[in-house]
N, C-alpha and C. Protein backbone atom coordinates (compact mmCIF):
# COMPACT_ATOMS: atom_id res chain seq x y z
N MET A 1 13.10 -126.38 -95.65
CA MET A 1 12.93 -126.03 -94.20
C MET A 1 12.26 -127.29 -93.50
N ALA A 2 12.84 -127.70 -92.44
CA ALA A 2 12.40 -128.81 -91.66
C ALA A 2 11.03 -128.51 -91.05
N ARG A 3 10.18 -129.54 -91.01
CA ARG A 3 8.92 -129.34 -90.42
C ARG A 3 8.99 -129.22 -88.92
N LYS A 4 8.13 -128.33 -88.40
CA LYS A 4 8.11 -128.04 -87.00
C LYS A 4 7.40 -129.27 -86.30
N LYS A 5 8.11 -129.70 -85.24
CA LYS A 5 7.52 -130.85 -84.53
C LYS A 5 6.39 -130.33 -83.56
N SER A 6 5.32 -131.04 -83.46
CA SER A 6 4.25 -130.77 -82.48
C SER A 6 4.72 -130.92 -81.02
N LEU A 7 3.98 -130.32 -80.19
CA LEU A 7 4.25 -130.47 -78.73
C LEU A 7 4.24 -131.96 -78.34
N LEU A 8 3.30 -132.64 -78.78
CA LEU A 8 3.12 -134.04 -78.45
C LEU A 8 4.32 -134.87 -79.03
N GLU A 9 4.76 -134.58 -80.22
CA GLU A 9 5.92 -135.28 -80.76
C GLU A 9 7.21 -134.95 -79.90
N ARG A 10 7.33 -133.72 -79.57
CA ARG A 10 8.52 -133.31 -78.86
C ARG A 10 8.54 -133.99 -77.42
N ALA A 11 7.38 -134.06 -76.90
CA ALA A 11 7.24 -134.70 -75.52
C ALA A 11 7.51 -136.20 -75.64
N ALA A 12 7.03 -136.79 -76.73
CA ALA A 12 7.30 -138.26 -76.94
C ALA A 12 8.74 -138.52 -77.20
N ARG A 13 9.43 -137.68 -77.99
CA ARG A 13 10.89 -137.88 -78.22
C ARG A 13 11.66 -137.64 -76.95
N ALA A 14 11.28 -136.73 -76.06
CA ALA A 14 11.91 -136.51 -74.80
C ALA A 14 11.80 -137.73 -73.83
N LEU A 15 10.63 -138.29 -73.81
CA LEU A 15 10.44 -139.50 -73.01
C LEU A 15 11.16 -140.62 -73.56
N CYS A 16 11.31 -140.79 -74.78
CA CYS A 16 12.03 -141.81 -75.45
C CYS A 16 13.52 -141.73 -75.07
N THR A 17 14.09 -140.47 -75.27
CA THR A 17 15.53 -140.19 -74.90
C THR A 17 15.76 -140.41 -73.37
N ALA A 18 14.82 -139.95 -72.63
CA ALA A 18 15.02 -140.15 -71.07
C ALA A 18 15.04 -141.55 -70.72
N ALA A 19 14.35 -142.43 -71.50
CA ALA A 19 14.25 -143.88 -71.23
C ALA A 19 15.56 -144.51 -71.74
N GLY A 20 16.43 -143.74 -72.34
CA GLY A 20 17.72 -144.28 -72.83
C GLY A 20 17.64 -144.84 -74.27
N ASN A 21 16.53 -144.60 -74.97
CA ASN A 21 16.38 -145.10 -76.31
C ASN A 21 16.64 -144.08 -77.35
N PRO A 22 17.30 -144.50 -78.49
CA PRO A 22 17.49 -143.51 -79.57
C PRO A 22 16.15 -143.25 -80.15
N GLU A 23 15.86 -141.99 -80.45
CA GLU A 23 14.52 -141.56 -80.96
C GLU A 23 14.14 -142.22 -82.23
N ASN A 24 15.09 -142.25 -83.18
CA ASN A 24 14.72 -142.74 -84.54
C ASN A 24 15.10 -144.14 -84.92
N ILE A 25 15.50 -144.92 -83.99
CA ILE A 25 15.71 -146.36 -84.23
C ILE A 25 14.43 -146.97 -84.52
N THR A 26 14.31 -147.92 -85.50
CA THR A 26 13.03 -148.45 -85.87
C THR A 26 12.63 -149.55 -84.89
N PHE A 27 11.31 -149.42 -84.38
CA PHE A 27 10.85 -150.39 -83.46
C PHE A 27 9.41 -150.68 -84.01
N GLU A 28 9.10 -151.94 -84.36
CA GLU A 28 7.87 -152.38 -84.90
C GLU A 28 7.48 -151.64 -86.12
N GLY A 29 8.52 -151.32 -86.88
CA GLY A 29 8.29 -150.59 -88.27
C GLY A 29 8.12 -149.10 -88.21
N LYS A 30 8.32 -148.57 -87.08
CA LYS A 30 8.30 -147.05 -87.00
C LYS A 30 9.32 -146.53 -86.05
N PRO A 31 9.55 -145.22 -86.06
CA PRO A 31 10.57 -144.66 -85.18
C PRO A 31 10.23 -144.92 -83.69
N MET A 32 11.19 -145.27 -82.82
CA MET A 32 10.98 -145.61 -81.49
C MET A 32 10.17 -144.55 -80.69
N TRP A 33 10.41 -143.30 -81.00
CA TRP A 33 9.71 -142.22 -80.26
C TRP A 33 8.24 -142.33 -80.32
N GLN A 34 7.74 -142.91 -81.43
CA GLN A 34 6.33 -143.02 -81.61
C GLN A 34 5.68 -143.95 -80.63
N SER A 35 6.43 -144.84 -80.09
CA SER A 35 5.87 -145.76 -79.04
C SER A 35 5.68 -145.06 -77.74
N TYR A 36 6.15 -143.81 -77.66
CA TYR A 36 5.89 -143.03 -76.46
C TYR A 36 4.78 -142.00 -76.51
N LEU A 37 4.08 -142.08 -77.61
CA LEU A 37 3.01 -141.04 -77.78
C LEU A 37 1.92 -141.12 -76.78
N SER A 38 1.53 -142.27 -76.32
CA SER A 38 0.44 -142.41 -75.38
C SER A 38 0.92 -141.85 -74.01
N GLU A 39 2.20 -142.16 -73.65
CA GLU A 39 2.63 -141.57 -72.43
C GLU A 39 2.74 -140.00 -72.46
N ALA A 40 3.20 -139.56 -73.61
CA ALA A 40 3.38 -138.09 -73.81
C ALA A 40 1.97 -137.41 -73.70
N ARG A 41 0.96 -138.05 -74.31
CA ARG A 41 -0.44 -137.55 -74.23
C ARG A 41 -0.87 -137.58 -72.85
N ALA A 42 -0.62 -138.62 -72.05
CA ALA A 42 -1.05 -138.59 -70.70
C ALA A 42 -0.46 -137.47 -69.89
N VAL A 43 0.88 -137.16 -70.20
CA VAL A 43 1.45 -136.07 -69.42
C VAL A 43 0.75 -134.75 -69.80
N LEU A 44 0.50 -134.54 -71.08
CA LEU A 44 -0.13 -133.30 -71.46
C LEU A 44 -1.56 -133.15 -70.84
N VAL A 45 -2.29 -134.27 -70.74
CA VAL A 45 -3.57 -134.18 -70.20
C VAL A 45 -3.46 -133.87 -68.67
N ALA A 46 -2.40 -134.46 -68.06
CA ALA A 46 -2.24 -134.24 -66.57
C ALA A 46 -1.87 -132.74 -66.29
N ILE A 47 -1.23 -132.06 -67.25
CA ILE A 47 -0.86 -130.74 -66.94
C ILE A 47 -1.74 -129.68 -67.58
N ARG A 48 -2.80 -130.24 -68.13
CA ARG A 48 -3.79 -129.34 -68.84
C ARG A 48 -4.26 -128.20 -67.92
N GLU A 49 -4.60 -128.53 -66.66
CA GLU A 49 -5.02 -127.58 -65.70
C GLU A 49 -3.73 -127.09 -64.97
N PRO A 50 -3.49 -125.86 -65.05
CA PRO A 50 -2.34 -125.33 -64.36
C PRO A 50 -2.48 -125.22 -62.86
N SER A 51 -1.29 -125.47 -62.18
CA SER A 51 -1.34 -125.30 -60.73
C SER A 51 -1.42 -123.79 -60.36
N GLU A 52 -1.68 -123.54 -59.02
CA GLU A 52 -1.72 -122.17 -58.65
C GLU A 52 -0.44 -121.47 -58.91
N VAL A 53 0.64 -122.10 -58.75
CA VAL A 53 1.96 -121.50 -58.93
C VAL A 53 2.10 -121.12 -60.39
N MET A 54 1.69 -121.94 -61.37
CA MET A 54 1.72 -121.67 -62.76
C MET A 54 0.76 -120.53 -63.08
N VAL A 55 -0.41 -120.52 -62.53
CA VAL A 55 -1.32 -119.42 -62.81
C VAL A 55 -0.69 -118.08 -62.41
N SER A 56 -0.09 -118.09 -61.24
CA SER A 56 0.58 -116.89 -60.76
C SER A 56 1.64 -116.44 -61.62
N ALA A 57 2.49 -117.40 -62.01
CA ALA A 57 3.58 -117.03 -62.87
C ALA A 57 3.11 -116.42 -64.19
N GLY A 58 2.06 -117.05 -64.76
CA GLY A 58 1.51 -116.56 -66.04
C GLY A 58 0.94 -115.12 -65.86
N GLN A 59 0.30 -114.85 -64.79
CA GLN A 59 -0.33 -113.58 -64.54
C GLN A 59 0.78 -112.50 -64.25
N ASP A 60 1.89 -112.98 -63.81
CA ASP A 60 3.03 -112.01 -63.47
C ASP A 60 3.73 -111.50 -64.79
N VAL A 61 3.55 -112.14 -65.90
CA VAL A 61 4.13 -111.75 -67.12
C VAL A 61 3.34 -110.52 -67.64
N ALA A 62 4.12 -109.39 -67.83
CA ALA A 62 3.48 -108.13 -68.36
C ALA A 62 2.93 -108.42 -69.70
N SER A 63 1.80 -107.82 -70.01
CA SER A 63 1.13 -107.86 -71.32
C SER A 63 1.16 -109.18 -71.91
N TRP A 64 0.75 -110.22 -71.17
CA TRP A 64 0.78 -111.65 -71.71
C TRP A 64 0.02 -111.80 -72.89
N LYS A 65 -1.11 -110.96 -73.08
CA LYS A 65 -1.92 -111.17 -74.32
C LYS A 65 -1.17 -110.90 -75.59
N SER A 66 -0.15 -110.06 -75.48
CA SER A 66 0.66 -109.75 -76.66
C SER A 66 1.72 -110.78 -76.79
N ASN A 67 2.13 -111.57 -75.69
CA ASN A 67 3.17 -112.49 -75.71
C ASN A 67 2.80 -113.77 -75.00
N VAL A 68 1.92 -114.57 -75.57
CA VAL A 68 1.47 -115.77 -74.84
C VAL A 68 2.55 -116.74 -74.65
N GLY A 69 3.55 -116.83 -75.60
CA GLY A 69 4.75 -117.67 -75.47
C GLY A 69 5.47 -117.41 -74.25
N GLU A 70 5.72 -116.09 -73.90
CA GLU A 70 6.40 -115.71 -72.63
C GLU A 70 5.54 -116.20 -71.45
N ALA A 71 4.32 -115.98 -71.49
CA ALA A 71 3.47 -116.47 -70.33
C ALA A 71 3.56 -118.00 -70.14
N TRP A 72 3.50 -118.72 -71.33
CA TRP A 72 3.68 -120.21 -71.27
C TRP A 72 4.99 -120.56 -70.66
N HIS A 73 6.10 -119.96 -71.15
CA HIS A 73 7.34 -120.33 -70.61
C HIS A 73 7.47 -120.06 -69.01
N ALA A 74 6.93 -118.87 -68.64
CA ALA A 74 6.91 -118.68 -67.17
C ALA A 74 6.10 -119.70 -66.44
N MET A 75 4.92 -120.07 -66.95
CA MET A 75 4.10 -121.07 -66.31
C MET A 75 4.80 -122.48 -66.24
N ILE A 76 5.37 -122.88 -67.33
CA ILE A 76 6.06 -124.17 -67.36
C ILE A 76 7.26 -124.07 -66.43
N ASP A 77 8.05 -123.03 -66.44
CA ASP A 77 9.13 -122.86 -65.54
C ASP A 77 8.71 -122.99 -64.04
N ALA A 78 7.62 -122.37 -63.74
CA ALA A 78 7.03 -122.42 -62.36
C ALA A 78 6.67 -123.91 -62.01
N ALA A 79 6.03 -124.66 -63.04
CA ALA A 79 5.73 -126.06 -62.83
C ALA A 79 6.96 -126.89 -62.55
N LEU A 80 7.96 -126.61 -63.26
CA LEU A 80 9.23 -127.35 -63.13
C LEU A 80 9.86 -127.12 -61.84
N ALA A 81 9.61 -125.86 -61.16
CA ALA A 81 10.21 -125.59 -59.92
C ALA A 81 9.43 -126.14 -58.83
N GLU A 82 8.25 -126.64 -58.99
CA GLU A 82 7.47 -127.29 -57.91
C GLU A 82 8.06 -128.64 -57.55
N ASN A 83 7.85 -129.04 -56.28
CA ASN A 83 8.43 -130.26 -55.82
C ASN A 83 7.55 -131.48 -55.87
N GLY A 84 6.36 -131.31 -56.56
CA GLY A 84 5.46 -132.47 -56.63
C GLY A 84 4.32 -132.28 -55.62
N SER A 85 4.54 -131.39 -54.64
CA SER A 85 3.49 -131.29 -53.61
C SER A 85 2.74 -129.86 -53.94
N GLY A 86 2.89 -129.32 -55.00
CA GLY A 86 2.30 -128.04 -55.30
C GLY A 86 2.99 -126.83 -54.69
N GLU A 87 4.11 -127.09 -54.05
CA GLU A 87 4.89 -126.01 -53.41
C GLU A 87 6.20 -125.71 -54.27
N PRO A 88 6.46 -124.46 -54.36
CA PRO A 88 7.73 -124.18 -55.14
C PRO A 88 8.95 -124.75 -54.44
N VAL A 89 9.91 -125.17 -55.21
CA VAL A 89 11.23 -125.80 -54.67
C VAL A 89 12.09 -124.67 -54.17
């Protein structure tokens, strides 16, 4: 069974791919995606505090305590729908 990738690793791989680089090509002796870890960490730090829209979306999920993953998805979906000004798109 393949090891499950951490959120930080998945974010770094996504940034690497978005920059047009192959994730696993070797760069300075390690996979290229690893060179995006600091940027990925910066993004996670930036979104650590949810926006009002995210909080509202998380609260709207019924019985979130029993399904934290569903609340997380709703909150991230709400963040992705924002236009950068804190307003829903």
